[in-house]
PDB file of N, CA and C in Angstrom:
ATOM      1  N   UNK A   1      95.360  45.890  90.107  1.00  0.00           N
ATOM      2  CA  UNK A   1      96.715  45.949  90.611  1.00  0.00           C
ATOM      3  C   UNK A   1      97.669  46.569  89.591  1.00  0.00           C
ATOM      4  N   UNK A   2      97.570  46.117  88.321  1.00  0.00           N
ATOM      5  CA  UNK A   2      98.429  46.671  87.280  1.00  0.00           C
ATOM      6  C   UNK A   2      98.153  48.158  87.097  1.00  0.00           C
ATOM      7  N   UNK A   3      96.873  48.538  87.186  1.00  0.00           N
ATOM      8  CA  UNK A   3      96.494  49.948  87.043  1.00  0.00           C
ATOM      9  C   UNK A   3      97.118  50.776  88.159  1.00  0.00           C
ATOM     10  N   UNK A   4      97.119  50.228  89.373  1.00  0.00           N
ATOM     11  CA  UNK A   4      97.706  50.926  90.514  1.00  0.00           C
ATOM     12  C   UNK A   4      99.205  51.105  90.368  1.00  0.00           C
ATOM     13  N   UNK A   5      99.899  50.067  89.902  1.00  0.00           N
ATOM     14  CA  UNK A   5     101.342  50.170  89.687  1.00  0.00           C
ATOM     15  C   UNK A   5     101.677  51.167  88.587  1.00  0.00           C
ATOM     16  N   UNK A   6     100.866  51.176  87.538  1.00  0.00           N
ATOM     17  CA  UNK A   6     101.077  52.133  86.455  1.00  0.00           C
ATOM     18  C   UNK A   6     100.926  53.560  86.978  1.00  0.00           C
ATOM     19  N   UNK A   7      99.858  53.797  87.747  1.00  0.00           N
ATOM     20  CA  UNK A   7      99.631  55.139  88.309  1.00  0.00           C
ATOM     21  C   UNK A   7     100.769  55.531  89.249  1.00  0.00           C
ATOM     22  N   UNK A   8     101.227  54.572  90.057  1.00  0.00           N
ATOM     23  CA  UNK A   8     102.324  54.854  90.974  1.00  0.00           C
ATOM     24  C   UNK A   8     103.606  55.197  90.213  1.00  0.00           C
ATOM     25  N   UNK A   9     103.902  54.445  89.162  1.00  0.00           N
ATOM     26  CA  UNK A   9     105.110  54.735  88.382  1.00  0.00           C
ATOM     27  C   UNK A   9     105.004  56.084  87.679  1.00  0.00           C
ATOM     28  N   UNK A  10     103.812  56.439  87.212  1.00  0.00           N
ATOM     29  CA  UNK A  10     103.614  57.765  86.600  1.00  0.00           C
ATOM     30  C   UNK A  10     103.827  58.869  87.623  1.00  0.00           C
ATOM     31  N   UNK A  11     103.305  58.664  88.831  1.00  0.00           N
ATOM     32  CA  UNK A  11     103.449  59.662  89.886  1.00  0.00           C
ATOM     33  C   UNK A  11     104.920  59.839  90.267  1.00  0.00           C
ATOM     34  N   UNK A  12     105.634  58.738  90.418  1.00  0.00           N
ATOM     35  CA  UNK A  12     107.057  58.813  90.755  1.00  0.00           C
ATOM     36  C   UNK A  12     107.827  59.527  89.645  1.00  0.00           C
ATOM     37  N   UNK A  13     107.540  59.201  88.402  1.00  0.00           N
ATOM     38  CA  UNK A  13     108.205  59.863  87.269  1.00  0.00           C
ATOM     39  C   UNK A  13     107.931  61.354  87.272  1.00  0.00           C
ATOM     40  N   UNK A  14     106.694  61.726  87.526  1.00  0.00           N
ATOM     41  CA  UNK A  14     106.317  63.137  87.570  1.00  0.00           C
ATOM     42  C   UNK A  14     107.056  63.861  88.691  1.00  0.00           C
ATOM     43  N   UNK A  15     107.137  63.232  89.854  1.00  0.00           N
ATOM     44  CA  UNK A  15     107.851  63.846  90.979  1.00  0.00           C
ATOM     45  C   UNK A  15     109.332  64.021  90.673  1.00  0.00           C
ATOM     46  N   UNK A  16     109.930  63.032  90.050  1.00  0.00           N
ATOM     47  CA  UNK A  16     111.353  63.130  89.698  1.00  0.00           C
ATOM     48  C   UNK A  16     111.585  64.259  88.706  1.00  0.00           C
ATOM     49  N   UNK A  17     110.755  64.341  87.686  1.00  0.00           N
ATOM     50  CA  UNK A  17     110.910  65.399  86.685  1.00  0.00           C
ATOM     51  C   UNK A  17     110.677  66.771  87.287  1.00  0.00           C
ATOM     52  N   UNK A  18     109.667  66.890  88.148  1.00  0.00           N
ATOM     53  CA  UNK A  18     109.351  68.175  88.771  1.00  0.00           C
ATOM     54  C   UNK A  18     110.467  68.608  89.708  1.00  0.00           C
ATOM     55  N   UNK A  19     110.978  67.686  90.525  1.00  0.00           N
ATOM     56  CA  UNK A  19     112.032  68.074  91.461  1.00  0.00           C
ATOM     57  C   UNK A  19     113.322  68.412  90.727  1.00  0.00           C
ATOM     58  N   UNK A  20     113.621  67.730  89.637  1.00  0.00           N
ATOM     59  CA  UNK A  20     114.814  68.060  88.852  1.00  0.00           C
ATOM     60  C   UNK A  20     114.686  69.443  88.241  1.00  0.00           C
ATOM     61  N   UNK A  21     113.500  69.775  87.777  1.00  0.00           N
ATOM     62  CA  UNK A  21     113.270  71.089  87.188  1.00  0.00           C
ATOM     63  C   UNK A  21     113.355  72.166  88.261  1.00  0.00           C
ATOM     64  N   UNK A  22     112.826  71.886  89.451  1.00  0.00           N
ATOM     65  CA  UNK A  22     112.846  72.867  90.532  1.00  0.00           C
ATOM     66  C   UNK A  22     114.264  73.141  91.016  1.00  0.00           C
ATOM     67  N   UNK A  23     115.182  72.197  90.862  1.00  0.00           N
ATOM     68  CA  UNK A  23     116.556  72.365  91.323  1.00  0.00           C
ATOM     69  C   UNK A  23     117.456  73.020  90.285  1.00  0.00           C
ATOM     70  N   UNK A  24     116.970  73.194  89.076  1.00  0.00           N
ATOM     71  CA  UNK A  24     117.773  73.823  88.042  1.00  0.00           C
ATOM     72  C   UNK A  24     117.958  75.290  88.403  1.00  0.00           C
ATOM     73  N   UNK A  25     119.195  75.753  88.565  1.00  0.00           N
ATOM     74  CA  UNK A  25     119.416  77.127  89.007  1.00  0.00           C
ATOM     75  C   UNK A  25     118.987  78.159  87.965  1.00  0.00           C
ATOM     76  N   UNK A  26     118.340  79.188  88.442  1.00  0.00           N
ATOM     77  CA  UNK A  26     117.953  80.321  87.614  1.00  0.00           C
ATOM     78  C   UNK A  26     118.651  81.533  88.222  1.00  0.00           C
ATOM     79  N   UNK A  27     119.752  81.984  87.633  1.00  0.00           N
ATOM     80  CA  UNK A  27     120.530  83.056  88.264  1.00  0.00           C
ATOM     81  C   UNK A  27     119.752  84.343  88.481  1.00  0.00           C
ATOM     82  N   UNK A  28     118.854  84.682  87.581  1.00  0.00           N
ATOM     83  CA  UNK A  28     118.069  85.907  87.751  1.00  0.00           C
ATOM     84  C   UNK A  28     117.137  85.773  88.945  1.00  0.00           C
ATOM     85  N   UNK A  29     116.410  84.667  89.014  1.00  0.00           N
ATOM     86  CA  UNK A  29     115.486  84.456  90.128  1.00  0.00           C
ATOM     87  C   UNK A  29     116.247  84.389  91.446  1.00  0.00           C
ATOM     88  N   UNK A  30     117.405  83.726  91.442  1.00  0.00           N
ATOM     89  CA  UNK A  30     118.200  83.641  92.659  1.00  0.00           C
ATOM     90  C   UNK A  30     118.650  85.009  93.141  1.00  0.00           C
ATOM     91  N   UNK A  31     119.075  85.843  92.224  1.00  0.00           N
ATOM     92  CA  UNK A  31     119.479  87.201  92.582  1.00  0.00           C
ATOM     93  C   UNK A  31     118.318  88.033  93.090  1.00  0.00           C
ATOM     94  N   UNK A  32     117.150  87.853  92.496  1.00  0.00           N
ATOM     95  CA  UNK A  32     115.966  88.586  92.943  1.00  0.00           C
ATOM     96  C   UNK A  32     115.576  88.173  94.356  1.00  0.00           C
ATOM     97  N   UNK A  33     115.661  86.882  94.636  1.00  0.00           N
ATOM     98  CA  UNK A  33     115.329  86.401  95.977  1.00  0.00           C
ATOM     99  C   UNK A  33     116.325  86.950  96.986  1.00  0.00           C
ATOM    100  N   UNK A  34     117.614  86.910  96.657  1.00  0.00           N
ATOM    101  CA  UNK A  34     118.653  87.429  97.546  1.00  0.00           C
ATOM    102  C   UNK A  34     118.430  88.912  97.812  1.00  0.00           C
ATOM    103  N   UNK A  35     118.133  89.661  96.764  1.00  0.00           N
ATOM    104  CA  UNK A  35     117.907  91.098  96.908  1.00  0.00           C
ATOM    105  C   UNK A  35     116.668  91.373  97.744  1.00  0.00           C
ATOM    106  N   UNK A  36     115.589  90.643  97.500  1.00  0.00           N
ATOM    107  CA  UNK A  36     114.345  90.850  98.245  1.00  0.00           C
ATOM    108  C   UNK A  36     114.521  90.536  99.726  1.00  0.00           C
ATOM    109  N   UNK A  37     115.411  89.615 100.034  1.00  0.00           N
ATOM    110  CA  UNK A  37     115.652  89.244 101.426  1.00  0.00           C
ATOM    111  C   UNK A  37     116.554  90.255 102.136  1.00  0.00           C
ATOM    112  N   UNK A  38     116.963  91.286 101.447  1.00  0.00           N
ATOM    113  CA  UNK A  38     117.788  92.317 102.061  1.00  0.00           C
ATOM    114  C   UNK A  38     119.268  92.046 101.954  1.00  0.00           C
ATOM    115  N   UNK A  39     119.638  91.144 101.053  1.00  0.00           N
ATOM    116  CA  UNK A  39     121.027  90.754 100.921  1.00  0.00           C
ATOM    117  C   UNK A  39     121.928  91.820 100.343  1.00  0.00           C
ATOM    118  N   UNK A  40     121.391  92.909  99.836  1.00  0.00           N
ATOM    119  CA  UNK A  40     122.228  93.934  99.210  1.00  0.00           C
ATOM    120  C   UNK A  40     121.955  95.315  99.798  1.00  0.00           C
ATOM    121  N   UNK A  41     121.327  95.359 100.943  1.00  0.00           N
ATOM    122  CA  UNK A  41     120.943  96.631 101.544  1.00  0.00           C
ATOM    123  C   UNK A  41     122.102  97.562 101.817  1.00  0.00           C
ATOM    124  N   UNK A  42     123.268  97.011 102.095  1.00  0.00           N
ATOM    125  CA  UNK A  42     124.404  97.874 102.413  1.00  0.00           C
ATOM    126  C   UNK A  42     124.957  98.562 101.169  1.00  0.00           C
ATOM    127  N   UNK A  43     124.499  98.189  99.995  1.00  0.00           N
ATOM    128  CA  UNK A  43     124.996  98.789  98.761  1.00  0.00           C
ATOM    129  C   UNK A  43     124.144  99.960  98.283  1.00  0.00           C
ATOM    130  N   UNK A  44     123.160 100.373  99.086  1.00  0.00           N
ATOM    131  CA  UNK A  44     122.335 101.537  98.759  1.00  0.00           C
ATOM    132  C   UNK A  44     122.453 102.541  99.896  1.00  0.00           C
ATOM    133  N   UNK A  45     122.874 103.748  99.595  1.00  0.00           N
ATOM    134  CA  UNK A  45     123.013 104.800 100.601  1.00  0.00           C
ATOM    135  C   UNK A  45     121.658 105.480 100.784  1.00  0.00           C
ATOM    136  N   UNK A  46     120.797 104.828 101.560  1.00  0.00           N
ATOM    137  CA  UNK A  46     119.431 105.317 101.762  1.00  0.00           C
ATOM    138  C   UNK A  46     119.427 106.666 102.466  1.00  0.00           C
ATOM    139  N   UNK A  47     120.293 106.834 103.440  1.00  0.00           N
ATOM    140  CA  UNK A  47     120.331 108.067 104.222  1.00  0.00           C
ATOM    141  C   UNK A  47     120.543 109.300 103.347  1.00  0.00           C
ATOM    142  N   UNK A  48     121.345 109.165 102.307  1.00  0.00           N
ATOM    143  CA  UNK A  48     121.616 110.282 101.400  1.00  0.00           C
ATOM    144  C   UNK A  48     120.879 110.153 100.075  1.00  0.00           C
ATOM    145  N   UNK A  49     119.843 109.325 100.076  1.00  0.00           N
ATOM    146  CA  UNK A  49     119.001 109.102  98.887  1.00  0.00           C
ATOM    147  C   UNK A  49     119.810 108.664  97.667  1.00  0.00           C
ATOM    148  N   UNK A  50     120.736 107.750  97.909  1.00  0.00           N
ATOM    149  CA  UNK A  50     121.547 107.212  96.816  1.00  0.00           C
ATOM    150  C   UNK A  50     120.734 106.294  95.928  1.00  0.00           C
ATOM    151  N   UNK A  51     121.232 106.046  94.740  1.00  0.00           N
ATOM    152  CA  UNK A  51     120.521 105.169  93.812  1.00  0.00           C
ATOM    153  C   UNK A  51     120.605 103.718  94.288  1.00  0.00           C
ATOM    154  N   UNK A  52     119.594 102.939  93.929  1.00  0.00           N
ATOM    155  CA  UNK A  52     119.506 101.547  94.329  1.00  0.00           C
ATOM    156  C   UNK A  52     120.753 100.776  93.893  1.00  0.00           C
ATOM    157  N   UNK A  53     121.435 100.185  94.846  1.00  0.00           N
ATOM    158  CA  UNK A  53     122.656  99.398  94.647  1.00  0.00           C
ATOM    159  C   UNK A  53     123.821 100.226  94.111  1.00  0.00           C
ATOM    160  N   UNK A  54     123.702 101.563  94.205  1.00  0.00           N
ATOM    161  CA  UNK A  54     124.711 102.461  93.655  1.00  0.00           C
ATOM    162  C   UNK A  54     125.923 102.677  94.531  1.00  0.00           C
ATOM    163  N   UNK A  55     125.966 102.034  95.691  1.00  0.00           N
ATOM    164  CA  UNK A  55     127.124 102.167  96.568  1.00  0.00           C
ATOM    165  C   UNK A  55     127.125 103.471  97.334  1.00  0.00           C
ATOM    166  N   UNK A  56     128.227 103.717  98.023  1.00  0.00           N
ATOM    167  CA  UNK A  56     128.402 104.966  98.749  1.00  0.00           C
ATOM    168  C   UNK A  56     127.998 104.921 100.210  1.00  0.00           C
ATOM    169  N   UNK A  57     127.325 103.889 100.647  1.00  0.00           N
ATOM    170  CA  UNK A  57     126.912 103.828 102.044  1.00  0.00           C
ATOM    171  C   UNK A  57     128.142 103.602 102.914  1.00  0.00           C
ATOM    172  N   UNK A  58     128.342 104.466 103.936  1.00  0.00           N
ATOM    173  CA  UNK A  58     129.502 104.303 104.811  1.00  0.00           C
ATOM    174  C   UNK A  58     129.326 103.098 105.739  1.00  0.00           C
ATOM    175  N   UNK A  59     130.384 102.319 105.880  1.00  0.00           N
ATOM    176  CA  UNK A  59     130.376 101.146 106.752  1.00  0.00           C
ATOM    177  C   UNK A  59     131.508 101.293 107.759  1.00  0.00           C
ATOM    178  N   UNK A  60     131.193 101.812 108.967  1.00  0.00           N
ATOM    179  CA  UNK A  60     132.243 101.982 109.970  1.00  0.00           C
ATOM    180  C   UNK A  60     132.745 100.621 110.466  1.00  0.00           C
ATOM    181  N   UNK A  61     134.060 100.476 110.557  1.00  0.00           N
ATOM    182  CA  UNK A  61     134.683  99.246 111.045  1.00  0.00           C
ATOM    183  C   UNK A  61     135.816  99.630 111.985  1.00  0.00           C
ATOM    184  N   UNK A  62     136.366  98.684 112.710  1.00  0.00           N
ATOM    185  CA  UNK A  62     137.528  98.984 113.547  1.00  0.00           C
ATOM    186  C   UNK A  62     138.744  99.422 112.727  1.00  0.00           C
ATOM    187  N   UNK A  63     138.717  99.186 111.427  1.00  0.00           N
ATOM    188  CA  UNK A  63     139.844  99.542 110.553  1.00  0.00           C
ATOM    189  C   UNK A  63     139.626 100.865 109.832  1.00  0.00           C
ATOM    190  N   UNK A  64     138.534 101.544 110.126  1.00  0.00           N
ATOM    191  CA  UNK A  64     138.187 102.782 109.448  1.00  0.00           C
ATOM    192  C   UNK A  64     136.842 102.641 108.750  1.00  0.00           C
ATOM    193  N   UNK A  65     136.464 103.668 108.033  1.00  0.00           N
ATOM    194  CA  UNK A  65     135.182 103.654 107.324  1.00  0.00           C
ATOM    195  C   UNK A  65     135.403 103.170 105.898  1.00  0.00           C
ATOM    196  N   UNK A  66     134.643 102.157 105.525  1.00  0.00           N
ATOM    197  CA  UNK A  66     134.651 101.664 104.150  1.00  0.00           C
ATOM    198  C   UNK A  66     133.352 102.098 103.501  1.00  0.00           C
ATOM    199  N   UNK A  67     133.360 102.273 102.215  1.00  0.00           N
ATOM    200  CA  UNK A  67     132.161 102.663 101.487  1.00  0.00           C
ATOM    201  C   UNK A  67     131.754 101.532 100.559  1.00  0.00           C
ATOM    202  N   UNK A  68     130.484 101.166 100.660  1.00  0.00           N
ATOM    203  CA  UNK A  68     129.969 100.066  99.841  1.00  0.00           C
ATOM    204  C   UNK A  68     130.139 100.383  98.362  1.00  0.00           C
ATOM    205  N   UNK A  69     130.435  99.351  97.600  1.00  0.00           N
ATOM    206  CA  UNK A  69     130.648  99.498  96.154  1.00  0.00           C
ATOM    207  C   UNK A  69     129.321  99.559  95.409  1.00  0.00           C
ATOM    208  N   UNK A  70     129.382 100.138  94.240  1.00  0.00           N
ATOM    209  CA  UNK A  70     128.264 100.135  93.306  1.00  0.00           C
ATOM    210  C   UNK A  70     128.234  98.741  92.687  1.00  0.00           C
ATOM    211  N   UNK A  71     127.148  97.992  92.926  1.00  0.00           N
ATOM    212  CA  UNK A  71     127.073  96.633  92.378  1.00  0.00           C
ATOM    213  C   UNK A  71     126.036  96.525  91.261  1.00  0.00           C
ATOM    214  N   UNK A  72     125.764  97.644  90.616  1.00  0.00           N
ATOM    215  CA  UNK A  72     124.888  97.597  89.444  1.00  0.00           C
ATOM    216  C   UNK A  72     125.676  96.998  88.277  1.00  0.00           C
ATOM    217  N   UNK A  73     124.993  96.563  87.224  1.00  0.00           N
ATOM    218  CA  UNK A  73     125.711  95.990  86.082  1.00  0.00           C
ATOM    219  C   UNK A  73     126.319  97.030  85.144  1.00  0.00           C
ATOM    220  N   UNK A  74     126.367  98.283  85.566  1.00  0.00           N
ATOM    221  CA  UNK A  74     126.935  99.331  84.722  1.00  0.00           C
ATOM    222  C   UNK A  74     128.407  99.026  84.435  1.00  0.00           C
ATOM    223  N   UNK A  75     128.810  99.173  83.176  1.00  0.00           N
ATOM    224  CA  UNK A  75     130.180  98.864  82.748  1.00  0.00           C
ATOM    225  C   UNK A  75     131.213  99.832  83.319  1.00  0.00           C
ATOM    226  N   UNK A  76     130.807 101.072  83.583  1.00  0.00           N
ATOM    227  CA  UNK A  76     131.752 102.090  84.031  1.00  0.00           C
ATOM    228  C   UNK A  76     131.744 102.273  85.542  1.00  0.00           C
ATOM    229  N   UNK A  77     130.564 102.428  86.134  1.00  0.00           N
ATOM    230  CA  UNK A  77     130.487 102.738  87.559  1.00  0.00           C
ATOM    231  C   UNK A  77     130.170 101.535  88.435  1.00  0.00           C
ATOM    232  N   UNK A  78     129.710 100.447  87.847  1.00  0.00           N
ATOM    233  CA  UNK A  78     129.335  99.261  88.617  1.00  0.00           C
ATOM    234  C   UNK A  78     130.310  98.121  88.428  1.00  0.00           C
ATOM    235  N   UNK A  79     129.777  96.915  88.497  1.00  0.00           N
ATOM    236  CA  UNK A  79     130.623  95.729  88.355  1.00  0.00           C
ATOM    237  C   UNK A  79     130.404  95.024  87.016  1.00  0.00           C
ATOM    238  N   UNK A  80     129.761  95.690  86.088  1.00  0.00           N
ATOM    239  CA  UNK A  80     129.485  95.093  84.783  1.00  0.00           C
ATOM    240  C   UNK A  80     130.720  94.799  83.958  1.00  0.00           C
ATOM    241  N   UNK A  81     131.842  95.410  84.297  1.00  0.00           N
ATOM    242  CA  UNK A  81     133.082  95.180  83.542  1.00  0.00           C
ATOM    243  C   UNK A  81     133.767  93.873  83.942  1.00  0.00           C
ATOM    244  N   UNK A  82     133.364  93.279  85.055  1.00  0.00           N
ATOM    245  CA  UNK A  82     134.017  92.061  85.530  1.00  0.00           C
ATOM    246  C   UNK A  82     133.648  90.859  84.672  1.00  0.00           C
ATOM    247  N   UNK A  83     134.632  90.032  84.389  1.00  0.00           N
ATOM    248  CA  UNK A  83     134.336  88.759  83.727  1.00  0.00           C
ATOM    249  C   UNK A  83     133.713  87.831  84.771  1.00  0.00           C
ATOM    250  N   UNK A  84     133.116  86.749  84.322  1.00  0.00           N
ATOM    251  CA  UNK A  84     132.566  85.777  85.264  1.00  0.00           C
ATOM    252  C   UNK A  84     133.654  85.276  86.207  1.00  0.00           C
ATOM    253  N   UNK A  85     134.837  85.036  85.666  1.00  0.00           N
ATOM    254  CA  UNK A  85     135.944  84.534  86.475  1.00  0.00           C
ATOM    255  C   UNK A  85     136.371  85.561  87.524  1.00  0.00           C
ATOM    256  N   UNK A  86     136.437  86.842  87.137  1.00  0.00           N
ATOM    257  CA  UNK A  86     136.795  87.903  88.087  1.00  0.00           C
ATOM    258  C   UNK A  86     135.770  87.991  89.210  1.00  0.00           C
ATOM    259  N   UNK A  87     134.493  87.906  88.847  1.00  0.00           N
ATOM    260  CA  UNK A  87     133.427  88.002  89.839  1.00  0.00           C
ATOM    261  C   UNK A  87     133.507  86.840  90.828  1.00  0.00           C
ATOM    262  N   UNK A  88     133.670  85.637  90.311  1.00  0.00           N
ATOM    263  CA  UNK A  88     133.749  84.453  91.174  1.00  0.00           C
ATOM    264  C   UNK A  88     134.957  84.549  92.097  1.00  0.00           C
ATOM    265  N   UNK A  89     136.086  84.978  91.579  1.00  0.00           N
ATOM    266  CA  UNK A  89     137.294  85.106  92.401  1.00  0.00           C
ATOM    267  C   UNK A  89     137.088  86.144  93.503  1.00  0.00           C
ATOM    268  N   UNK A  90     136.443  87.249  93.164  1.00  0.00           N
ATOM    269  CA  UNK A  90     136.171  88.280  94.167  1.00  0.00           C
ATOM    270  C   UNK A  90     135.252  87.743  95.263  1.00  0.00           C
ATOM    271  N   UNK A  91     134.221  87.020  94.874  1.00  0.00           N
ATOM    272  CA  UNK A  91     133.263  86.506  95.846  1.00  0.00           C
ATOM    273  C   UNK A  91     133.851  85.385  96.700  1.00  0.00           C
ATOM    274  N   UNK A  92     134.596  84.502  96.096  1.00  0.00           N
ATOM    275  CA  UNK A  92     135.122  83.336  96.816  1.00  0.00           C
ATOM    276  C   UNK A  92     136.419  83.618  97.560  1.00  0.00           C
ATOM    277  N   UNK A  93     137.313  84.389  96.947  1.00  0.00           N
ATOM    278  CA  UNK A  93     138.652  84.548  97.511  1.00  0.00           C
ATOM    279  C   UNK A  93     138.933  85.953  98.034  1.00  0.00           C
ATOM    280  N   UNK A  94     138.065  86.916  97.715  1.00  0.00           N
ATOM    281  CA  UNK A  94     138.319  88.280  98.143  1.00  0.00           C
ATOM    282  C   UNK A  94     139.459  88.937  97.390  1.00  0.00           C
ATOM    283  N   UNK A  95     139.662  88.520  96.130  1.00  0.00           N
ATOM    284  CA  UNK A  95     140.736  89.066  95.295  1.00  0.00           C
ATOM    285  C   UNK A  95     140.107  89.780  94.106  1.00  0.00           C
ATOM    286  N   UNK A  96     140.507  91.036  93.875  1.00  0.00           N
ATOM    287  CA  UNK A  96     139.980  91.824  92.765  1.00  0.00           C
ATOM    288  C   UNK A  96     140.629  91.462  91.440  1.00  0.00           C
ATOM    289  N   UNK A  97     140.134  92.030  90.340  1.00  0.00           N
ATOM    290  CA  UNK A  97     140.638  91.681  89.013  1.00  0.00           C
ATOM    291  C   UNK A  97     142.104  92.049  88.787  1.00  0.00           C
ATOM    292  N   UNK A  98     142.625  92.999  89.538  1.00  0.00           N
ATOM    293  CA  UNK A  98     144.034  93.390  89.410  1.00  0.00           C
ATOM    294  C   UNK A  98     144.907  92.692  90.450  1.00  0.00           C
ATOM    295  N   UNK A  99     144.332  91.713  91.167  1.00  0.00           N
ATOM    296  CA  UNK A  99     145.082  90.982  92.189  1.00  0.00           C
ATOM    297  C   UNK A  99     145.046  91.622  93.565  1.00  0.00           C
ATOM    298  N   UNK A 100     144.322  92.724  93.711  1.00  0.00           N
ATOM    299  CA  UNK A 100     144.258  93.413  94.992  1.00  0.00           C
ATOM    300  C   UNK A 100     143.327  92.663  95.955  1.00  0.00           C
ATOM    301  N   UNK A 101     143.648  92.747  97.243  1.00  0.00           N
ATOM    302  CA  UNK A 101     142.810  92.122  98.264  1.00  0.00           C
ATOM    303  C   UNK A 101     141.619  93.031  98.546  1.00  0.00           C
ATOM    304  N   UNK A 102     140.450  92.437  98.570  1.00  0.00           N
ATOM    305  CA  UNK A 102     139.228  93.169  98.859  1.00  0.00           C
ATOM    306  C   UNK A 102     138.907  93.015 100.339  1.00  0.00           C
ATOM    307  N   UNK A 103     138.282  94.022 100.917  1.00  0.00           N
ATOM    308  CA  UNK A 103     137.935  93.950 102.331  1.00  0.00           C
ATOM    309  C   UNK A 103     136.848  92.903 102.531  1.00  0.00           C
ATOM    310  N   UNK A 104     137.108  91.906 103.373  1.00  0.00           N
ATOM    311  CA  UNK A 104     136.132  90.823 103.552  1.00  0.00           C
ATOM    312  C   UNK A 104     135.046  91.176 104.565  1.00  0.00           C
ATOM    313  N   UNK A 105     134.166  92.087 104.217  1.00  0.00           N
ATOM    314  CA  UNK A 105     133.073  92.472 105.113  1.00  0.00           C
ATOM    315  C   UNK A 105     132.213  91.259 105.452  1.00  0.00           C
ATOM    316  N   UNK A 106     131.951  90.443 104.473  1.00  0.00           N
ATOM    317  CA  UNK A 106     131.176  89.223 104.680  1.00  0.00           C
ATOM    318  C   UNK A 106     131.969  88.056 104.122  1.00  0.00           C
ATOM    319  N   UNK A 107     131.857  86.928 104.771  1.00  0.00           N
ATOM    320  CA  UNK A 107     132.507  85.735 104.239  1.00  0.00           C
ATOM    321  C   UNK A 107     131.598  85.116 103.191  1.00  0.00           C
ATOM    322  N   UNK A 108     132.018  85.146 101.954  1.00  0.00           N
ATOM    323  CA  UNK A 108     131.202  84.635 100.865  1.00  0.00           C
ATOM    324  C   UNK A 108     131.803  83.383 100.248  1.00  0.00           C
ATOM    325  N   UNK A 109     132.789  82.805 100.905  1.00  0.00           N
ATOM    326  CA  UNK A 109     133.443  81.634 100.331  1.00  0.00           C
ATOM    327  C   UNK A 109     132.543  80.414 100.297  1.00  0.00           C
ATOM    328  N   UNK A 110     131.421  80.467 101.006  1.00  0.00           N
ATOM    329  CA  UNK A 110     130.518  79.317 101.017  1.00  0.00           C
ATOM    330  C   UNK A 110     129.543  79.343  99.842  1.00  0.00           C
ATOM    331  N   UNK A 111     129.636  80.325  98.973  1.00  0.00           N
ATOM    332  CA  UNK A 111     128.722  80.404  97.839  1.00  0.00           C
ATOM    333  C   UNK A 111     128.939  79.209  96.925  1.00  0.00           C
ATOM    334  N   UNK A 112     127.856  78.565  96.590  1.00  0.00           N
ATOM    335  CA  UNK A 112     127.931  77.391  95.725  1.00  0.00           C
ATOM    336  C   UNK A 112     128.247  77.787  94.295  1.00  0.00           C
ATOM    337  N   UNK A 113     128.802  76.845  93.553  1.00  0.00           N
ATOM    338  CA  UNK A 113     129.138  77.093  92.154  1.00  0.00           C
ATOM    339  C   UNK A 113     127.937  77.617  91.377  1.00  0.00           C
ATOM    340  N   UNK A 114     126.763  77.013  91.557  1.00  0.00           N
ATOM    341  CA  UNK A 114     125.580  77.413  90.805  1.00  0.00           C
ATOM    342  C   UNK A 114     125.066  78.787  91.213  1.00  0.00           C
ATOM    343  N   UNK A 115     125.384  79.230  92.431  1.00  0.00           N
ATOM    344  CA  UNK A 115     124.905  80.521  92.909  1.00  0.00           C
ATOM    345  C   UNK A 115     125.765  81.673  92.424  1.00  0.00           C
ATOM    346  N   UNK A 116     126.922  81.389  91.879  1.00  0.00           N
ATOM    347  CA  UNK A 116     127.848  82.442  91.499  1.00  0.00           C
ATOM    348  C   UNK A 116     127.418  83.188  90.253  1.00  0.00           C
ATOM    349  N   UNK A 117     126.603  82.626  89.428  1.00  0.00           N
ATOM    350  CA  UNK A 117     126.184  83.271  88.197  1.00  0.00           C
ATOM    351  C   UNK A 117     124.920  83.991  88.490  1.00  0.00           C
TER     352      UNK A 117
END
């Protein structure tokens, strides 16, 4: 009986440690999963053989044609110049680093705190 309780407590401890580790956010892995699921397809102009995530894809809307942004980490042409705070504000509130309103093509306000990095 004591042996069984010991084994059970070890198993429960192992499950708790494993599940806690599995829930620890990994921003790189999360981004890779999002990208693999097609979450960034509109940011590549495939029709004109644009670079991966390089922007330029036309997005027709009732308000006119918008062009997807370059979301690479490049400091000059992408979004690499944004601070973490600027990025989070853009994703959650649709406000750019200069206070400008961004076109809300997708509602991203539901992004969790851990998913923002």
